[in-house]
Amino acid sequence: MSAAPCQHGASVSAAPYQHGASVSAGPPAAWLAVIDMQRVFAEADSPWLAPRFGEIIGPVSQLVEAFRPRVTFTRFVAPEVPSGGWQRYYHLWPFALQPPDARIYELVDDFAAQPEQMLDATTFSKWGPELSERVGDGGRLVLAGVSTDCCVLSTAVAAADAGVEVQVVEDACAGVSDVSHGQALDILRLYSPLVEVVSLAEVLRQ
């Protein structure tokens, strides 16, 4: 990101896998990853505010209901000790060097009580062994959340590189600005057919 940067940092941890990692018969169903619906991207006084965050709470909630229990909520959390280039990053954003249980890293109230699986990462991309196991071989990953122009984009590209079919729900994502949101979606369209930019209505019809 530019004005408010890519909001995030370098190892992955996950809550225990609660719903099973594979499907017993037939091709795996799609899996929804809700990216970083946290206070740090929602609150008006946050340096990392995604201005349209509030507008996507409804669409994201609809997706969660449609996909449950095949849903993972992700959180960006800061590393305990930044290394490499992340040292400069957190020098620019020292407010973010807080522990994982800090208020800024909580999911917003609309999703705080969700029973779905949680995945914490200190990287822009949330794709890794844990999410790969949940999606399964031949599975499809559906992405929603924030921000389109950083963590959603990074997750989509990493999953596509792994050969996963990815759908990004454009009206269930929000960016740092309308311009960068649109630019990120245009970039993702270049990854077709591995990445498909779709609407909420299209996904719900599926």
C-alpha atoms as a PDB file:
ATOM      1  CA  MET A   1       0.000   0.000   0.000  1.00  0.00           C
ATOM      2  CA  SER A   2       0.992   3.592  -0.329  1.00  0.00           C
ATOM      3  CA  ALA A   3      -0.770   6.037   2.034  1.00  0.00           C
ATOM      4  CA  ALA A   4      -1.441   3.349   4.630  1.00  0.00           C
ATOM      5  CA  PRO A   5       0.960   0.535   3.806  1.00  0.00           C
ATOM      6  CA  CYS A   6       0.477  -3.148   3.448  1.00  0.00           C
ATOM      7  CA  GLN A   7      -0.663  -3.731   6.960  1.00  0.00           C
ATOM      8  CA  HIS A   8       1.228  -6.708   7.997  1.00  0.00           C
ATOM      9  CA  GLY A   9       4.489  -9.171   8.934  1.00  0.00           C
ATOM     10  CA  ALA A  10       6.501 -13.061   9.034  1.00  0.00           C
ATOM     11  CA  SER A  11       5.387 -16.352  10.585  1.00  0.00           C
ATOM     12  CA  VAL A  12       2.120 -18.224  10.752  1.00  0.00           C
ATOM     13  CA  SER A  13       0.275 -19.831  13.628  1.00  0.00           C
ATOM     14  CA  ALA A  14      -3.206 -21.279  13.772  1.00  0.00           C
ATOM     15  CA  ALA A  15      -5.849 -22.340  16.226  1.00  0.00           C
ATOM     16  CA  PRO A  16      -6.510 -26.092  16.381  1.00  0.00           C
ATOM     17  CA  TYR A  17      -8.267 -27.402  13.307  1.00  0.00           C
ATOM     18  CA  GLN A  18     -11.861 -27.867  14.419  1.00  0.00           C
ATOM     19  CA  HIS A  19     -13.968 -28.988  11.487  1.00  0.00           C
ATOM     20  CA  GLY A  20     -11.813 -31.496   9.584  1.00  0.00           C
ATOM     21  CA  ALA A  21      -9.302 -30.856   6.830  1.00  0.00           C
ATOM     22  CA  SER A  22     -10.695 -32.973   4.026  1.00  0.00           C
ATOM     23  CA  VAL A  23     -13.908 -34.130   2.404  1.00  0.00           C
ATOM     24  CA  SER A  24     -14.653 -37.816   2.560  1.00  0.00           C
ATOM     25  CA  ALA A  25     -16.033 -38.190  -0.976  1.00  0.00           C
ATOM     26  CA  GLY A  26     -16.166 -36.153  -4.148  1.00  0.00           C
ATOM     27  CA  PRO A  27     -14.271 -32.977  -4.962  1.00  0.00           C
ATOM     28  CA  PRO A  28     -13.651 -30.589  -2.069  1.00  0.00           C
ATOM     29  CA  ALA A  29     -16.165 -27.811  -1.654  1.00  0.00           C
ATOM     30  CA  ALA A  30     -15.064 -24.191  -1.709  1.00  0.00           C
ATOM     31  CA  TRP A  31     -13.488 -22.774   1.440  1.00  0.00           C
ATOM     32  CA  LEU A  32     -13.995 -19.176   2.590  1.00  0.00           C
ATOM     33  CA  ALA A  33     -11.138 -17.187   4.095  1.00  0.00           C
ATOM     34  CA  VAL A  34     -12.227 -13.936   5.739  1.00  0.00           C
ATOM     35  CA  ILE A  35      -9.135 -11.772   5.738  1.00  0.00           C
ATOM     36  CA  ASP A  36      -8.292  -9.539   8.720  1.00  0.00           C
ATOM     37  CA  MET A  37     -11.670  -8.111   9.752  1.00  0.00           C
ATOM     38  CA  GLN A  38      -9.975  -6.475  12.747  1.00  0.00           C
ATOM     39  CA  ARG A  39     -10.379  -3.264  14.716  1.00  0.00           C
ATOM     40  CA  VAL A  40      -7.079  -1.876  13.417  1.00  0.00           C
ATOM     41  CA  PHE A  41      -8.588  -1.664   9.922  1.00  0.00           C
ATOM     42  CA  ALA A  42     -12.055  -0.604  11.055  1.00  0.00           C
ATOM     43  CA  GLU A  43     -11.685   2.228  13.549  1.00  0.00           C
ATOM     44  CA  ALA A  44     -11.714   5.816  12.350  1.00  0.00           C
ATOM     45  CA  ASP A  45      -8.632   6.870  14.315  1.00  0.00           C
ATOM     46  CA  SER A  46      -6.469   3.989  13.118  1.00  0.00           C
ATOM     47  CA  PRO A  47      -3.583   4.762  10.739  1.00  0.00           C
ATOM     48  CA  TRP A  48      -4.527   1.580   8.888  1.00  0.00           C
ATOM     49  CA  LEU A  49      -8.220   2.337   8.400  1.00  0.00           C
ATOM     50  CA  ALA A  50      -9.894   0.833   5.335  1.00  0.00           C
ATOM     51  CA  PRO A  51     -12.563   3.537   4.818  1.00  0.00           C
ATOM     52  CA  ARG A  52     -15.251   1.208   3.450  1.00  0.00           C
ATOM     53  CA  PHE A  53     -14.716  -1.452   6.115  1.00  0.00           C
ATOM     54  CA  GLY A  54     -18.195  -0.949   7.570  1.00  0.00           C
ATOM     55  CA  GLU A  55     -19.834  -1.388   4.170  1.00  0.00           C
ATOM     56  CA  ILE A  56     -18.536  -4.925   3.726  1.00  0.00           C
ATOM     57  CA  ILE A  57     -19.609  -6.299   7.113  1.00  0.00           C
ATOM     58  CA  GLY A  58     -23.015  -7.256   5.697  1.00  0.00           C
ATOM     59  CA  PRO A  59     -21.647  -9.005   2.575  1.00  0.00           C
ATOM     60  CA  VAL A  60     -18.994 -10.826   4.589  1.00  0.00           C
ATOM     61  CA  SER A  61     -21.646 -11.986   7.067  1.00  0.00           C
ATOM     62  CA  GLN A  62     -23.711 -13.397   4.204  1.00  0.00           C
ATOM     63  CA  LEU A  63     -20.712 -15.331   2.930  1.00  0.00           C
ATOM     64  CA  VAL A  64     -19.966 -16.725   6.391  1.00  0.00           C
ATOM     65  CA  GLU A  65     -23.529 -18.001   6.728  1.00  0.00           C
ATOM     66  CA  ALA A  66     -23.403 -19.553   3.259  1.00  0.00           C
ATOM     67  CA  PHE A  67     -20.041 -21.304   3.735  1.00  0.00           C
ATOM     68  CA  ARG A  68     -20.225 -22.346   7.390  1.00  0.00           C
ATOM     69  CA  PRO A  69     -18.509 -24.474   8.646  1.00  0.00           C
ATOM     70  CA  ARG A  70     -15.954 -24.173   5.825  1.00  0.00           C
ATOM     71  CA  VAL A  71     -14.754 -20.773   7.024  1.00  0.00           C
ATOM     72  CA  THR A  72     -11.448 -19.463   8.363  1.00  0.00           C
ATOM     73  CA  PHE A  73     -11.059 -16.004   9.890  1.00  0.00           C
ATOM     74  CA  THR A  74      -7.541 -14.636   9.648  1.00  0.00           C
ATOM     75  CA  ARG A  75      -5.818 -11.989  11.750  1.00  0.00           C
ATOM     76  CA  PHE A  76      -2.705  -9.988  11.132  1.00  0.00           C
ATOM     77  CA  VAL A  77      -0.552  -9.837  14.257  1.00  0.00           C
ATOM     78  CA  ALA A  78       2.846  -8.223  14.723  1.00  0.00           C
ATOM     79  CA  PRO A  79       5.929 -10.375  15.302  1.00  0.00           C
ATOM     80  CA  GLU A  80       7.408 -10.309  18.774  1.00  0.00           C
ATOM     81  CA  VAL A  81      10.734  -9.176  17.299  1.00  0.00           C
ATOM     82  CA  PRO A  82      10.725  -7.882  13.701  1.00  0.00           C
ATOM     83  CA  SER A  83      13.575  -9.076  11.520  1.00  0.00           C
ATOM     84  CA  GLY A  84      15.037  -8.058   8.189  1.00  0.00           C
ATOM     85  CA  GLY A  85      13.012  -5.517   6.272  1.00  0.00           C
ATOM     86  CA  TRP A  86      10.251  -5.716   8.855  1.00  0.00           C
ATOM     87  CA  GLN A  87      12.449  -3.735  11.227  1.00  0.00           C
ATOM     88  CA  ARG A  88      12.159  -0.708   8.956  1.00  0.00           C
ATOM     89  CA  TYR A  89       8.462  -1.382   8.461  1.00  0.00           C
ATOM     90  CA  TYR A  90       7.708  -1.285  12.186  1.00  0.00           C
ATOM     91  CA  HIS A  91       9.981   1.693  12.589  1.00  0.00           C
ATOM     92  CA  LEU A  92       7.476   3.483  10.342  1.00  0.00           C
ATOM     93  CA  TRP A  93       4.471   2.000  12.188  1.00  0.00           C
ATOM     94  CA  PRO A  94       5.560   1.575  15.831  1.00  0.00           C
ATOM     95  CA  PHE A  95       1.967   1.685  17.093  1.00  0.00           C
ATOM     96  CA  ALA A  96       1.458  -1.764  15.560  1.00  0.00           C
ATOM     97  CA  LEU A  97       4.123  -3.465  17.666  1.00  0.00           C
ATOM     98  CA  GLN A  98       1.616  -4.847  20.131  1.00  0.00           C
ATOM     99  CA  PRO A  99       0.985  -8.426  21.318  1.00  0.00           C
ATOM    100  CA  PRO A 100      -1.540 -10.636  19.518  1.00  0.00           C
ATOM    101  CA  ASP A 101      -4.133 -10.137  22.265  1.00  0.00           C
ATOM    102  CA  ALA A 102      -4.021  -6.338  21.932  1.00  0.00           C
ATOM    103  CA  ARG A 103      -7.343  -4.645  21.261  1.00  0.00           C
ATOM    104  CA  ILE A 104      -6.272  -3.390  17.826  1.00  0.00           C
ATOM    105  CA  TYR A 105      -5.843  -6.979  16.632  1.00  0.00           C
ATOM    106  CA  GLU A 106      -9.241  -8.231  17.809  1.00  0.00           C
ATOM    107  CA  LEU A 107     -11.890  -9.083  15.247  1.00  0.00           C
ATOM    108  CA  VAL A 108     -14.601  -6.436  15.153  1.00  0.00           C
ATOM    109  CA  ASP A 109     -17.652  -7.099  17.300  1.00  0.00           C
ATOM    110  CA  ASP A 110     -19.691  -8.430  14.359  1.00  0.00           C
ATOM    111  CA  PHE A 111     -17.335 -11.422  14.091  1.00  0.00           C
ATOM    112  CA  ALA A 112     -15.799 -11.663  17.551  1.00  0.00           C
ATOM    113  CA  ALA A 113     -18.022 -14.541  18.650  1.00  0.00           C
ATOM    114  CA  GLN A 114     -17.721 -16.574  15.455  1.00  0.00           C
ATOM    115  CA  PRO A 115     -17.100 -20.282  16.095  1.00  0.00           C
ATOM    116  CA  GLU A 116     -15.060 -20.712  12.924  1.00  0.00           C
ATOM    117  CA  GLN A 117     -11.368 -21.483  12.819  1.00  0.00           C
ATOM    118  CA  MET A 118      -8.846 -18.726  13.394  1.00  0.00           C
ATOM    119  CA  LEU A 119      -5.525 -18.269  11.631  1.00  0.00           C
ATOM    120  CA  ASP A 120      -2.957 -15.707  12.815  1.00  0.00           C
ATOM    121  CA  ALA A 121      -0.087 -14.570  10.617  1.00  0.00           C
ATOM    122  CA  THR A 122       2.605 -11.932  10.670  1.00  0.00           C
ATOM    123  CA  THR A 123       2.733 -11.905   6.861  1.00  0.00           C
ATOM    124  CA  PHE A 124       0.705 -10.073   4.227  1.00  0.00           C
ATOM    125  CA  SER A 125      -0.329 -13.392   2.706  1.00  0.00           C
ATOM    126  CA  LYS A 126      -2.391 -15.780   4.803  1.00  0.00           C
ATOM    127  CA  TRP A 127      -1.742 -18.686   2.448  1.00  0.00           C
ATOM    128  CA  GLY A 128       0.384 -21.428   3.978  1.00  0.00           C
ATOM    129  CA  PRO A 129       0.245 -25.044   5.169  1.00  0.00           C
ATOM    130  CA  GLU A 130      -2.711 -24.501   7.503  1.00  0.00           C
ATOM    131  CA  LEU A 131      -4.998 -22.883   4.938  1.00  0.00           C
ATOM    132  CA  SER A 132      -3.780 -25.270   2.238  1.00  0.00           C
ATOM    133  CA  GLU A 133      -4.791 -28.240   4.396  1.00  0.00           C
ATOM    134  CA  ARG A 134      -8.238 -26.794   4.932  1.00  0.00           C
ATOM    135  CA  VAL A 135      -8.846 -26.065   1.244  1.00  0.00           C
ATOM    136  CA  GLY A 136      -7.616 -29.533   0.269  1.00  0.00           C
ATOM    137  CA  ASP A 137      -6.339 -30.881  -3.039  1.00  0.00           C
ATOM    138  CA  GLY A 138      -8.337 -29.514  -5.928  1.00  0.00           C
ATOM    139  CA  GLY A 139     -10.299 -27.202  -3.669  1.00  0.00           C
ATOM    140  CA  ARG A 140     -11.330 -23.626  -4.359  1.00  0.00           C
ATOM    141  CA  LEU A 141     -10.508 -20.692  -2.100  1.00  0.00           C
ATOM    142  CA  VAL A 142     -12.954 -17.795  -1.779  1.00  0.00           C
ATOM    143  CA  LEU A 143     -11.572 -14.560  -0.345  1.00  0.00           C
ATOM    144  CA  ALA A 144     -13.251 -11.595   1.330  1.00  0.00           C
ATOM    145  CA  GLY A 145     -12.104  -8.925   3.779  1.00  0.00           C
ATOM    146  CA  VAL A 146      -9.357  -6.310   3.942  1.00  0.00           C
ATOM    147  CA  SER A 147      -7.475  -4.988   2.438  1.00  0.00           C
ATOM    148  CA  THR A 148      -8.026  -5.689  -1.233  1.00  0.00           C
ATOM    149  CA  ASP A 149      -4.786  -3.928  -2.137  1.00  0.00           C
ATOM    150  CA  CYS A 150      -2.571  -5.760   0.352  1.00  0.00           C
ATOM    151  CA  CYS A 151      -3.467  -8.906   2.280  1.00  0.00           C
ATOM    152  CA  VAL A 152      -6.313 -10.075   0.031  1.00  0.00           C
ATOM    153  CA  LEU A 153      -4.120  -9.530  -3.025  1.00  0.00           C
ATOM    154  CA  SER A 154      -1.119 -11.220  -1.414  1.00  0.00           C
ATOM    155  CA  THR A 155      -3.159 -14.233  -0.283  1.00  0.00           C
ATOM    156  CA  ALA A 156      -4.796 -14.657  -3.682  1.00  0.00           C
ATOM    157  CA  VAL A 157      -1.498 -14.566  -5.573  1.00  0.00           C
ATOM    158  CA  ALA A 158       0.226 -16.980  -3.185  1.00  0.00           C
ATOM    159  CA  ALA A 159      -2.655 -19.460  -3.419  1.00  0.00           C
ATOM    160  CA  ALA A 160      -2.753 -19.140  -7.207  1.00  0.00           C
ATOM    161  CA  ASP A 161       0.984 -19.861  -7.355  1.00  0.00           C
ATOM    162  CA  ALA A 162       0.236 -23.076  -5.462  1.00  0.00           C
ATOM    163  CA  GLY A 163      -2.252 -24.056  -8.171  1.00  0.00           C
ATOM    164  CA  VAL A 164      -5.402 -23.269  -6.201  1.00  0.00           C
ATOM    165  CA  GLU A 165      -8.465 -21.830  -7.912  1.00  0.00           C
ATOM    166  CA  VAL A 166      -9.208 -18.526  -6.189  1.00  0.00           C
ATOM    167  CA  GLN A 167     -12.302 -16.344  -6.201  1.00  0.00           C
ATOM    168  CA  VAL A 168     -12.082 -12.807  -4.820  1.00  0.00           C
ATOM    169  CA  VAL A 169     -15.481 -11.366  -3.913  1.00  0.00           C
ATOM    170  CA  GLU A 170     -15.115  -7.754  -4.994  1.00  0.00           C
ATOM    171  CA  ASP A 171     -18.103  -6.341  -3.089  1.00  0.00           C
ATOM    172  CA  ALA A 172     -17.047  -8.158   0.093  1.00  0.00           C
ATOM    173  CA  CYS A 173     -13.573  -6.584   0.085  1.00  0.00           C
ATOM    174  CA  ALA A 174     -12.370  -3.095   0.969  1.00  0.00           C
ATOM    175  CA  GLY A 175      -9.142  -1.280   0.226  1.00  0.00           C
ATOM    176  CA  VAL A 176      -7.198   1.726   1.427  1.00  0.00           C
ATOM    177  CA  SER A 177      -9.070   3.745  -1.209  1.00  0.00           C
ATOM    178  CA  ASP A 178     -11.558   3.143  -3.980  1.00  0.00           C
ATOM    179  CA  VAL A 179      -8.772   3.696  -6.501  1.00  0.00           C
ATOM    180  CA  SER A 180      -6.372   1.163  -5.004  1.00  0.00           C
ATOM    181  CA  HIS A 181      -9.246  -1.305  -4.457  1.00  0.00           C
ATOM    182  CA  GLY A 182     -10.054  -1.133  -8.159  1.00  0.00           C
ATOM    183  CA  GLN A 183      -6.405  -1.343  -9.178  1.00  0.00           C
ATOM    184  CA  ALA A 184      -5.888  -4.443  -7.054  1.00  0.00           C
ATOM    185  CA  LEU A 185      -8.900  -6.129  -8.637  1.00  0.00           C
ATOM    186  CA  ASP A 186      -7.559  -5.269 -12.103  1.00  0.00           C
ATOM    187  CA  ILE A 187      -4.223  -6.852 -11.192  1.00  0.00           C
ATOM    188  CA  LEU A 188      -5.974  -9.967  -9.902  1.00  0.00           C
ATOM    189  CA  ARG A 189      -7.899 -10.308 -13.161  1.00  0.00           C
ATOM    190  CA  LEU A 190      -4.534 -10.688 -14.916  1.00  0.00           C
ATOM    191  CA  TYR A 191      -4.111 -13.987 -13.050  1.00  0.00           C
ATOM    192  CA  SER A 192      -7.129 -15.542 -14.770  1.00  0.00           C
ATOM    193  CA  PRO A 193      -8.064 -18.364 -14.880  1.00  0.00           C
ATOM    194  CA  LEU A 194      -6.337 -19.135 -11.581  1.00  0.00           C
ATOM    195  CA  VAL A 195      -7.907 -16.059  -9.994  1.00  0.00           C
ATOM    196  CA  GLU A 196     -11.454 -14.931 -10.705  1.00  0.00           C
ATOM    197  CA  VAL A 197     -12.963 -11.664  -9.482  1.00  0.00           C
ATOM    198  CA  VAL A 198     -16.619 -12.293  -8.701  1.00  0.00           C
ATOM    199  CA  SER A 199     -19.599 -10.601  -7.079  1.00  0.00           C
ATOM    200  CA  LEU A 200     -21.350 -11.621  -3.862  1.00  0.00           C
ATOM    201  CA  ALA A 201     -24.434 -12.564  -5.880  1.00  0.00           C
ATOM    202  CA  GLU A 202     -22.402 -14.883  -8.125  1.00  0.00           C
ATOM    203  CA  VAL A 203     -20.865 -16.702  -5.190  1.00  0.00           C
ATOM    204  CA  LEU A 204     -24.181 -17.125  -3.384  1.00  0.00           C
ATOM    205  CA  ARG A 205     -25.741 -18.561  -6.554  1.00  0.00           C
ATOM    206  CA  GLN A 206     -22.968 -21.162  -6.681  1.00  0.00           C
END
